[in-house]
Amino acid sequence: MIAAMVFAQLCAAVPSEGVVVTEGRGGYGAVIAAHSGGVVVGWQETGPRPSAGEGGPPDWRPRLAYARELDAATLAPRAAARSIDGEEAYYAHMTGLAASASPTGDGAAIASCQCFGGTGRIACGHTSFGAFPQVTATRESGGCSGGIALGTAGTSSVLAYTDSAAVRFVGSRSGRDRGTAESFTADRTALARADADRAVFAWRTSDNAGGVTGESSYDVLAMTLDADARPSSRPVRLTAATGRVGAPAIAWVSGSALVTYAQAATARAPWRLSLSTWTPGRRHATSTLRTGRAPAMAPSIVASRSPGCAVLSWTEGTGRRTVVRAGRVCHGALDPTTVAQVSRPGVEAGDSELATDGRSVYVVWQEVPSARGAREELRVARLGCD
């Protein structure tokens, strides 16, 4: 009985090897969202070289985006992958992707932006799967930088994107494109649904680049947004020391924002995962998660059904020996009895992302088979912990 209870708490993959969602062309930059009608996975691929005479440098290959819907119970794909975006010209630059469930949990969307060289025009939009409040953004004279996040607040959807590294927000309620009262920049962003018609937003900024060491130095900050995508709190700096900082991930748990990110004090120091717990209006607390001796990076986090807890995934290791692990975080600490390896043994893996529909937690990750000429693939599984 005790053994069964412990096993049930493990954040192991179900099925154990996951389900391959890519279609043999490779895949990277995956995102995932879960809702009452299923699971949606999006990713990017490098497309074929254009035909002669279509313009562009000879080595240019467009970046393409695809999505696939999966059955929530079996994770079986419901149909072939669907093309959702792509660079149509060599002077177009597509950002990464962002995914979110709808405010009512009966749909999802995957968002992306394209920036067009020469004019600097930025165009952002999303592809919906089921019901999702429409939100778009267009800037006729902006600057390419690439940050993007999608989330919800109240009954509205919220899109965050960067214009020349300055963050801008658009909400579906008014459609108004807003900057911020304070001038900050960002290159990595994250959004999560909060309570009281709010969302929480976290970002990585290099405004203090250089620091006292002369090396690139970053901070992670957070603030709240209202249902019209207006900042509703002052930014809070979560990082306690300068150094290397990775992209943040964020979840809302029991009235507080949990923001996790990889951090290394120097260029030679190993990456470790930090977790900041911030209740708006109060001081935040930051701890180092004890994932083990191996470097840990690229975290993702979602709320758990257990009060005060969240489910965390991350990449662990170095070089071609990286793996994906997952575990439950409760009250600022990682529960070691829940930690399990998600990716397959002996296969290089990383870049995991999590999603929850309020009942189950789903994970997508990338694996790079060792066979010569084999393309990277994306696998999806449900986790044994929630």
Protein backbone atom coordinates (compact mmCIF):
# COMPACT_ATOMS: atom_id res chain seq x y z
CA MET A 1 0.00 0.00 0.00
CA ILE A 2 2.77 2.46 0.94
CA ALA A 3 4.75 1.57 -2.20
CA ALA A 4 1.69 2.22 -4.34
CA MET A 5 1.13 5.60 -2.73
CA VAL A 6 4.75 6.63 -3.31
CA PHE A 7 4.62 5.47 -6.94
CA ALA A 8 1.44 7.44 -7.52
CA GLN A 9 3.27 10.62 -6.43
CA LEU A 10 6.08 10.25 -8.96
CA CYS A 11 6.04 12.78 -11.78
CA ALA A 12 6.78 10.05 -14.32
CA ALA A 13 5.67 10.09 -17.95
CA VAL A 14 2.51 8.21 -18.96
CA PRO A 15 3.00 6.46 -21.33
CA SER A 16 6.60 5.93 -20.29
CA GLU A 17 8.14 6.88 -23.65
CA GLY A 18 5.60 9.54 -24.52
CA VAL A 19 3.83 9.99 -27.85
CA VAL A 20 5.68 11.42 -30.85
CA VAL A 21 3.77 14.40 -32.28
CA THR A 22 6.19 15.62 -34.96
CA GLU A 23 6.07 14.11 -38.43
CA GLY A 24 9.69 13.33 -39.30
CA ARG A 25 10.74 16.83 -40.36
CA GLY A 26 12.21 17.75 -36.98
CA GLY A 27 10.78 20.15 -34.44
CA TYR A 28 11.91 22.70 -31.87
CA GLY A 29 10.57 25.55 -29.73
CA ALA A 30 7.56 23.54 -28.56
CA VAL A 31 4.61 25.00 -26.65
CA ILE A 32 1.62 23.23 -25.13
CA ALA A 33 -1.86 24.08 -23.83
CA ALA A 34 -4.54 21.85 -22.32
CA HIS A 35 -8.29 22.44 -22.10
CA SER A 36 -11.47 20.47 -21.55
CA GLY A 37 -11.54 19.31 -25.16
CA GLY A 38 -7.97 18.08 -25.52
CA VAL A 39 -4.29 19.00 -25.68
CA VAL A 40 -2.71 21.29 -28.28
CA VAL A 41 1.01 21.23 -29.12
CA GLY A 42 2.77 23.75 -31.32
CA TRP A 43 6.31 23.80 -32.65
CA GLN A 44 8.61 25.24 -35.30
CA GLU A 45 10.48 23.59 -38.15
CA THR A 46 13.06 24.73 -40.66
CA GLY A 47 11.43 24.61 -44.07
CA PRO A 48 12.95 23.63 -47.43
CA ARG A 49 15.01 26.03 -49.51
CA PRO A 50 12.84 28.15 -51.80
CA SER A 51 12.89 27.52 -55.51
CA ALA A 52 15.32 29.46 -57.66
CA GLY A 53 14.08 32.93 -58.51
CA GLU A 54 11.97 33.38 -55.38
CA GLY A 55 14.46 35.83 -53.86
CA GLY A 56 16.63 35.80 -50.77
CA PRO A 57 20.14 34.56 -50.05
CA PRO A 58 20.97 31.06 -51.32
CA ASP A 59 21.23 29.57 -47.82
CA TRP A 60 17.95 31.02 -46.52
CA ARG A 61 15.35 28.54 -45.28
CA PRO A 62 12.07 29.76 -43.81
CA ARG A 63 10.97 29.10 -40.27
CA LEU A 64 7.57 27.39 -40.21
CA ALA A 65 5.09 26.77 -37.38
CA TYR A 66 2.79 23.77 -36.94
CA ALA A 67 0.26 22.60 -34.37
CA ARG A 68 -1.43 19.32 -33.59
CA GLU A 69 -4.43 18.44 -31.45
CA LEU A 70 -4.29 15.38 -29.21
CA ASP A 71 -6.90 13.39 -27.34
CA ALA A 72 -6.54 14.23 -23.63
CA ALA A 73 -7.08 10.64 -22.46
CA THR A 74 -4.86 8.74 -24.92
CA LEU A 75 -2.69 11.57 -26.33
CA ALA A 76 -3.31 10.10 -29.77
CA PRO A 77 -3.12 12.80 -32.49
CA ARG A 78 -6.55 13.56 -33.91
CA ALA A 79 -5.25 14.56 -37.33
CA ALA A 80 -2.10 15.53 -39.20
CA ALA A 81 -0.16 18.58 -38.11
CA ARG A 82 -1.71 21.89 -39.12
CA SER A 83 0.35 24.74 -40.58
CA ILE A 84 -0.30 27.88 -38.49
CA ASP A 85 2.39 30.38 -39.50
CA GLY A 86 5.59 30.74 -41.49
CA GLU A 87 8.11 33.16 -42.93
CA GLU A 88 7.03 33.93 -46.48
CA ALA A 89 10.03 36.12 -47.36
CA TYR A 90 13.68 36.23 -46.37
CA TYR A 91 13.22 39.64 -44.74
CA ALA A 92 10.51 38.32 -42.39
CA HIS A 93 11.52 37.09 -38.95
CA MET A 94 9.10 34.93 -36.97
CA THR A 95 9.38 34.88 -33.20
CA GLY A 96 8.99 31.85 -31.03
CA LEU A 97 5.50 30.61 -30.10
CA ALA A 98 3.32 31.07 -27.04
CA ALA A 99 0.31 29.00 -25.96
CA SER A 100 -2.55 29.38 -23.51
CA ALA A 101 -5.87 27.82 -22.59
CA SER A 102 -8.92 30.07 -22.91
CA PRO A 103 -10.41 31.93 -19.91
CA THR A 104 -13.24 29.40 -19.65
CA GLY A 105 -11.03 26.37 -20.25
CA ASP A 106 -12.94 25.18 -23.33
CA GLY A 107 -10.35 26.14 -25.94
CA ALA A 108 -6.75 27.16 -26.51
CA ALA A 109 -4.60 29.26 -28.82
CA ILE A 110 -1.03 29.46 -30.10
CA ALA A 111 0.38 32.92 -30.83
CA SER A 112 3.35 34.20 -32.82
CA CYS A 113 4.69 37.47 -34.21
CA GLN A 114 6.50 38.33 -37.42
CA CYS A 115 8.79 41.30 -37.89
CA PHE A 116 9.57 42.57 -41.37
CA GLY A 117 13.04 43.93 -42.08
CA GLY A 118 13.38 47.30 -43.71
CA THR A 119 10.07 48.69 -42.45
CA GLY A 120 10.28 47.23 -38.93
CA ARG A 121 6.60 46.30 -39.11
CA ILE A 122 5.48 43.84 -36.43
CA ALA A 123 2.36 41.69 -36.80
CA CYS A 124 1.17 39.37 -34.02
CA GLY A 125 -1.79 37.01 -33.97
CA HIS A 126 -2.92 33.58 -32.89
CA THR A 127 -4.53 30.39 -34.13
CA SER A 128 -7.46 29.20 -32.03
CA PHE A 129 -8.46 25.64 -31.16
CA GLY A 130 -11.99 25.87 -29.82
CA ALA A 131 -13.17 29.09 -28.18
CA PHE A 132 -10.54 31.78 -27.50
CA PRO A 133 -10.97 35.58 -27.29
CA GLN A 134 -9.26 37.17 -30.30
CA VAL A 135 -6.24 39.34 -29.63
CA THR A 136 -3.88 40.78 -32.26
CA ALA A 137 -1.22 43.47 -32.50
CA THR A 138 0.34 45.46 -35.34
CA ARG A 139 3.12 48.03 -35.16
CA GLU A 140 3.96 49.77 -38.42
CA SER A 141 7.39 50.99 -37.36
CA GLY A 142 8.85 48.80 -34.70
CA GLY A 143 11.95 46.73 -34.16
CA CYS A 144 12.65 43.01 -34.18
CA SER A 145 13.40 41.50 -30.79
CA GLY A 146 11.34 38.35 -30.41
CA GLY A 147 9.77 38.08 -26.95
CA ILE A 148 6.18 36.80 -26.85
CA ALA A 149 3.74 35.49 -24.22
CA LEU A 150 0.04 34.61 -24.26
CA GLY A 151 -2.31 34.28 -21.30
CA THR A 152 -5.68 35.26 -19.84
CA ALA A 153 -7.06 37.59 -17.17
CA GLY A 154 -10.71 37.40 -16.17
CA THR A 155 -12.71 36.81 -19.34
CA SER A 156 -10.05 38.37 -21.57
CA SER A 157 -6.98 37.12 -23.36
CA VAL A 158 -3.68 38.98 -23.02
CA LEU A 159 -0.80 39.12 -25.48
CA ALA A 160 2.64 40.42 -24.51
CA TYR A 161 5.30 41.05 -27.14
CA THR A 162 8.50 43.05 -27.52
CA ASP A 163 9.20 45.95 -29.85
CA SER A 164 12.92 46.75 -29.98
CA ALA A 165 13.06 44.86 -26.65
CA ALA A 166 10.43 47.16 -25.07
CA VAL A 167 7.43 45.23 -23.73
CA ARG A 168 3.95 45.95 -25.05
CA PHE A 169 0.59 44.47 -24.01
CA VAL A 170 -2.71 43.98 -25.82
CA GLY A 171 -5.95 42.71 -24.25
CA SER A 172 -8.93 41.30 -26.11
CA ARG A 173 -11.32 43.46 -24.10
CA SER A 174 -10.35 46.74 -25.80
CA GLY A 175 -7.73 45.71 -28.34
CA ARG A 176 -5.63 48.66 -27.25
CA ASP A 177 -1.86 48.30 -27.62
CA ARG A 178 -0.17 49.55 -24.47
CA GLY A 179 3.37 50.27 -23.44
CA THR A 180 4.47 50.66 -19.85
CA ALA A 181 4.98 53.72 -17.66
CA GLU A 182 8.47 52.52 -16.86
CA SER A 183 11.07 51.96 -19.54
CA PHE A 184 12.24 48.37 -19.27
CA THR A 185 13.33 45.87 -21.86
CA ALA A 186 12.84 42.14 -22.20
CA ASP A 187 13.98 39.24 -24.32
CA ARG A 188 12.25 36.35 -22.53
CA THR A 189 8.70 36.60 -21.18
CA ALA A 190 6.04 34.50 -19.43
CA LEU A 191 2.36 35.00 -18.50
CA ALA A 192 0.04 33.12 -16.15
CA ARG A 193 -3.59 33.51 -15.17
CA ALA A 194 -4.03 34.82 -11.62
CA ASP A 195 -7.10 35.68 -9.52
CA ALA A 196 -9.34 38.74 -9.30
CA ASP A 197 -9.30 39.37 -13.06
CA ARG A 198 -5.52 39.57 -13.11
CA ALA A 199 -2.60 37.94 -14.86
CA VAL A 200 1.00 37.79 -13.68
CA PHE A 201 3.81 38.61 -16.05
CA ALA A 202 7.51 37.78 -15.66
CA TRP A 203 10.39 38.75 -17.90
CA ARG A 204 14.15 38.68 -18.23
CA THR A 205 15.84 42.00 -18.80
CA SER A 206 19.44 42.93 -19.55
CA ASP A 207 19.03 46.57 -18.54
CA ASN A 208 21.95 46.18 -16.14
CA ALA A 209 24.18 44.40 -18.70
CA GLY A 210 27.82 44.54 -17.76
CA GLY A 211 27.40 44.74 -14.00
CA VAL A 212 30.53 44.91 -11.90
CA THR A 213 32.21 41.99 -13.67
CA GLY A 214 31.93 43.27 -17.22
CA GLU A 215 30.00 40.14 -18.22
CA SER A 216 26.43 40.17 -19.50
CA SER A 217 24.14 40.42 -16.50
CA TYR A 218 20.39 39.88 -16.35
CA ASP A 219 17.49 40.32 -13.97
CA VAL A 220 14.12 38.62 -13.68
CA LEU A 221 11.18 40.88 -12.79
CA ALA A 222 7.45 40.39 -12.30
CA MET A 223 4.26 42.44 -12.12
CA THR A 224 0.51 42.03 -12.42
CA LEU A 225 -1.77 43.02 -15.31
CA ASP A 226 -5.49 43.70 -15.22
CA ALA A 227 -8.08 42.23 -17.59
CA ASP A 228 -7.47 45.06 -20.09
CA ALA A 229 -3.74 44.26 -20.19
CA ARG A 230 -2.79 47.33 -18.15
CA PRO A 231 0.03 47.00 -15.61
CA SER A 232 -1.63 46.95 -12.19
CA SER A 233 1.45 46.81 -9.95
CA ARG A 234 4.98 48.13 -9.91
CA PRO A 235 7.64 45.77 -11.29
CA VAL A 236 9.35 43.67 -8.63
CA ARG A 237 12.96 42.55 -9.10
CA LEU A 238 13.21 38.87 -8.14
CA THR A 239 16.89 38.13 -8.75
CA ALA A 240 19.10 38.77 -5.74
CA ALA A 241 22.48 38.75 -7.49
CA THR A 242 23.87 39.54 -10.92
CA GLY A 243 25.08 36.82 -13.25
CA ARG A 244 23.71 34.54 -15.92
CA VAL A 245 19.95 34.12 -15.82
CA GLY A 246 17.73 31.98 -18.04
CA ALA A 247 14.20 32.50 -19.28
CA PRO A 248 11.55 32.67 -16.53
CA ALA A 249 8.50 30.44 -16.18
CA ILE A 250 5.52 31.43 -14.04
CA ALA A 251 2.47 29.92 -12.34
CA TRP A 252 -0.17 31.23 -9.94
CA VAL A 253 -0.54 29.10 -6.82
CA SER A 254 -2.67 29.84 -3.74
CA GLY A 255 -2.60 33.61 -4.16
CA SER A 256 1.07 33.94 -5.09
CA ALA A 257 3.14 33.98 -8.25
CA LEU A 258 5.77 31.25 -8.47
CA VAL A 259 8.54 32.31 -10.83
CA THR A 260 11.32 29.88 -11.64
CA TYR A 261 14.47 30.42 -13.70
CA ALA A 262 17.97 29.05 -14.09
CA GLN A 263 20.78 31.11 -12.64
CA ALA A 264 24.58 30.92 -12.52
CA ALA A 265 26.78 33.33 -10.59
CA THR A 266 29.61 33.29 -13.17
CA ALA A 267 30.34 32.03 -16.66
CA ARG A 268 31.94 28.88 -15.18
CA ALA A 269 29.45 28.22 -12.42
CA PRO A 270 26.86 25.47 -13.02
CA TRP A 271 23.25 26.38 -13.72
CA ARG A 272 20.89 26.01 -10.75
CA LEU A 273 17.14 26.53 -10.52
CA SER A 274 15.82 29.39 -8.42
CA LEU A 275 12.21 29.78 -7.29
CA SER A 276 10.77 33.14 -6.30
CA THR A 277 7.44 33.28 -4.45
CA TRP A 278 5.78 36.67 -4.76
CA THR A 279 2.46 37.74 -3.32
CA PRO A 280 1.54 41.12 -4.87
CA GLY A 281 1.91 43.87 -2.28
CA ARG A 282 4.39 41.86 -0.19
CA ARG A 283 8.09 41.09 -0.26
CA HIS A 284 9.11 38.08 -2.31
CA ALA A 285 11.14 35.09 -1.12
CA THR A 286 13.66 33.28 -3.32
CA SER A 287 15.15 29.83 -2.79
CA THR A 288 17.45 27.49 -4.71
CA LEU A 289 15.74 24.25 -5.65
CA ARG A 290 17.72 21.14 -4.77
CA THR A 291 17.60 19.24 -8.04
CA GLY A 292 20.94 17.44 -7.53
CA ARG A 293 24.60 17.93 -8.44
CA ALA A 294 24.14 18.09 -12.23
CA PRO A 295 23.42 21.48 -13.86
CA ALA A 296 19.71 22.29 -14.13
CA MET A 297 18.13 24.74 -16.57
CA ALA A 298 15.13 25.56 -18.80
CA PRO A 299 12.34 25.13 -16.22
CA SER A 300 8.60 25.10 -16.78
CA ILE A 301 5.97 25.28 -14.04
CA VAL A 302 2.19 24.92 -13.65
CA ALA A 303 -0.16 24.86 -10.67
CA SER A 304 -0.85 21.53 -8.99
CA ARG A 305 -4.15 20.33 -7.60
CA SER A 306 -2.40 19.97 -4.25
CA PRO A 307 -2.79 23.20 -2.20
CA GLY A 308 0.35 25.33 -2.16
CA CYS A 309 2.10 23.15 -4.74
CA ALA A 310 3.16 23.28 -8.37
CA VAL A 311 4.57 20.81 -10.88
CA LEU A 312 8.01 21.62 -12.26
CA SER A 313 10.00 20.24 -15.19
CA TRP A 314 13.56 21.03 -16.23
CA THR A 315 16.56 20.01 -18.32
CA GLU A 316 19.38 18.37 -16.40
CA GLY A 317 22.98 17.56 -17.39
CA THR A 318 25.43 18.85 -19.99
CA GLY A 319 26.26 18.30 -23.64
CA ARG A 320 24.59 15.32 -25.28
CA ARG A 321 23.74 13.72 -21.95
CA THR A 322 20.90 16.00 -20.95
CA VAL A 323 17.59 14.57 -19.74
CA VAL A 324 14.20 15.97 -18.75
CA ARG A 325 13.03 15.56 -15.17
CA ALA A 326 9.90 16.61 -13.32
CA GLY A 327 8.80 16.88 -9.70
CA ARG A 328 6.41 18.62 -7.36
CA VAL A 329 7.33 21.89 -5.63
CA CYS A 330 5.54 22.69 -2.38
CA HIS A 331 6.02 25.76 -0.18
CA GLY A 332 9.23 26.82 -1.90
CA ALA A 333 10.99 23.44 -1.95
CA LEU A 334 11.26 20.52 -4.36
CA ASP A 335 9.87 17.25 -2.98
CA PRO A 336 12.57 14.68 -3.88
CA THR A 337 10.16 11.75 -3.50
CA THR A 338 8.20 13.00 -6.53
CA VAL A 339 11.13 13.55 -8.94
CA ALA A 340 11.27 11.28 -11.98
CA GLN A 341 13.04 11.25 -15.33
CA VAL A 342 10.53 12.04 -18.05
CA SER A 343 12.65 11.53 -21.17
CA ARG A 344 13.85 8.15 -22.41
CA PRO A 345 17.10 6.74 -21.00
CA GLY A 346 20.21 7.22 -23.12
CA VAL A 347 18.64 9.81 -25.45
CA GLU A 348 19.62 13.48 -25.48
CA ALA A 349 16.60 15.49 -24.36
CA GLY A 350 15.54 18.93 -23.14
CA ASP A 351 13.35 22.01 -23.64
CA SER A 352 10.28 20.75 -21.79
CA GLU A 353 7.04 22.70 -21.41
CA LEU A 354 4.08 21.96 -19.12
CA ALA A 355 0.33 22.56 -19.32
CA THR A 356 -2.63 21.64 -17.15
CA ASP A 357 -6.38 21.45 -17.70
CA GLY A 358 -6.99 21.52 -13.94
CA ARG A 359 -7.16 17.73 -13.73
CA SER A 360 -3.98 16.42 -15.33
CA VAL A 361 -0.53 17.85 -16.13
CA TYR A 362 0.91 17.32 -19.60
CA VAL A 363 4.50 17.72 -20.78
CA VAL A 364 6.12 18.13 -24.19
CA TRP A 365 9.87 17.77 -24.67
CA GLN A 366 12.45 17.45 -27.43
CA GLU A 367 14.61 14.38 -28.01
CA VAL A 368 17.59 14.14 -30.36
CA PRO A 369 18.13 10.52 -31.48
CA SER A 370 21.78 9.47 -31.80
CA ALA A 371 21.33 7.72 -35.15
CA ARG A 372 23.16 9.44 -37.99
CA GLY A 373 20.85 11.73 -39.94
CA ALA A 374 18.00 11.35 -37.46
CA ARG A 375 15.97 14.51 -36.88
CA GLU A 376 14.95 15.82 -33.51
CA GLU A 377 11.43 14.89 -32.44
CA LEU A 378 8.89 16.11 -29.91
CA ARG A 379 7.18 13.78 -27.46
CA VAL A 380 4.16 14.38 -25.24
CA ALA A 381 3.08 12.58 -22.07
CA ARG A 382 0.82 12.99 -19.08
CA LEU A 383 2.62 13.16 -15.75
CA GLY A 384 1.83 10.78 -12.91
CA CYS A 385 1.60 13.68 -10.45
CA ASP A 386 -0.89 16.54 -10.51
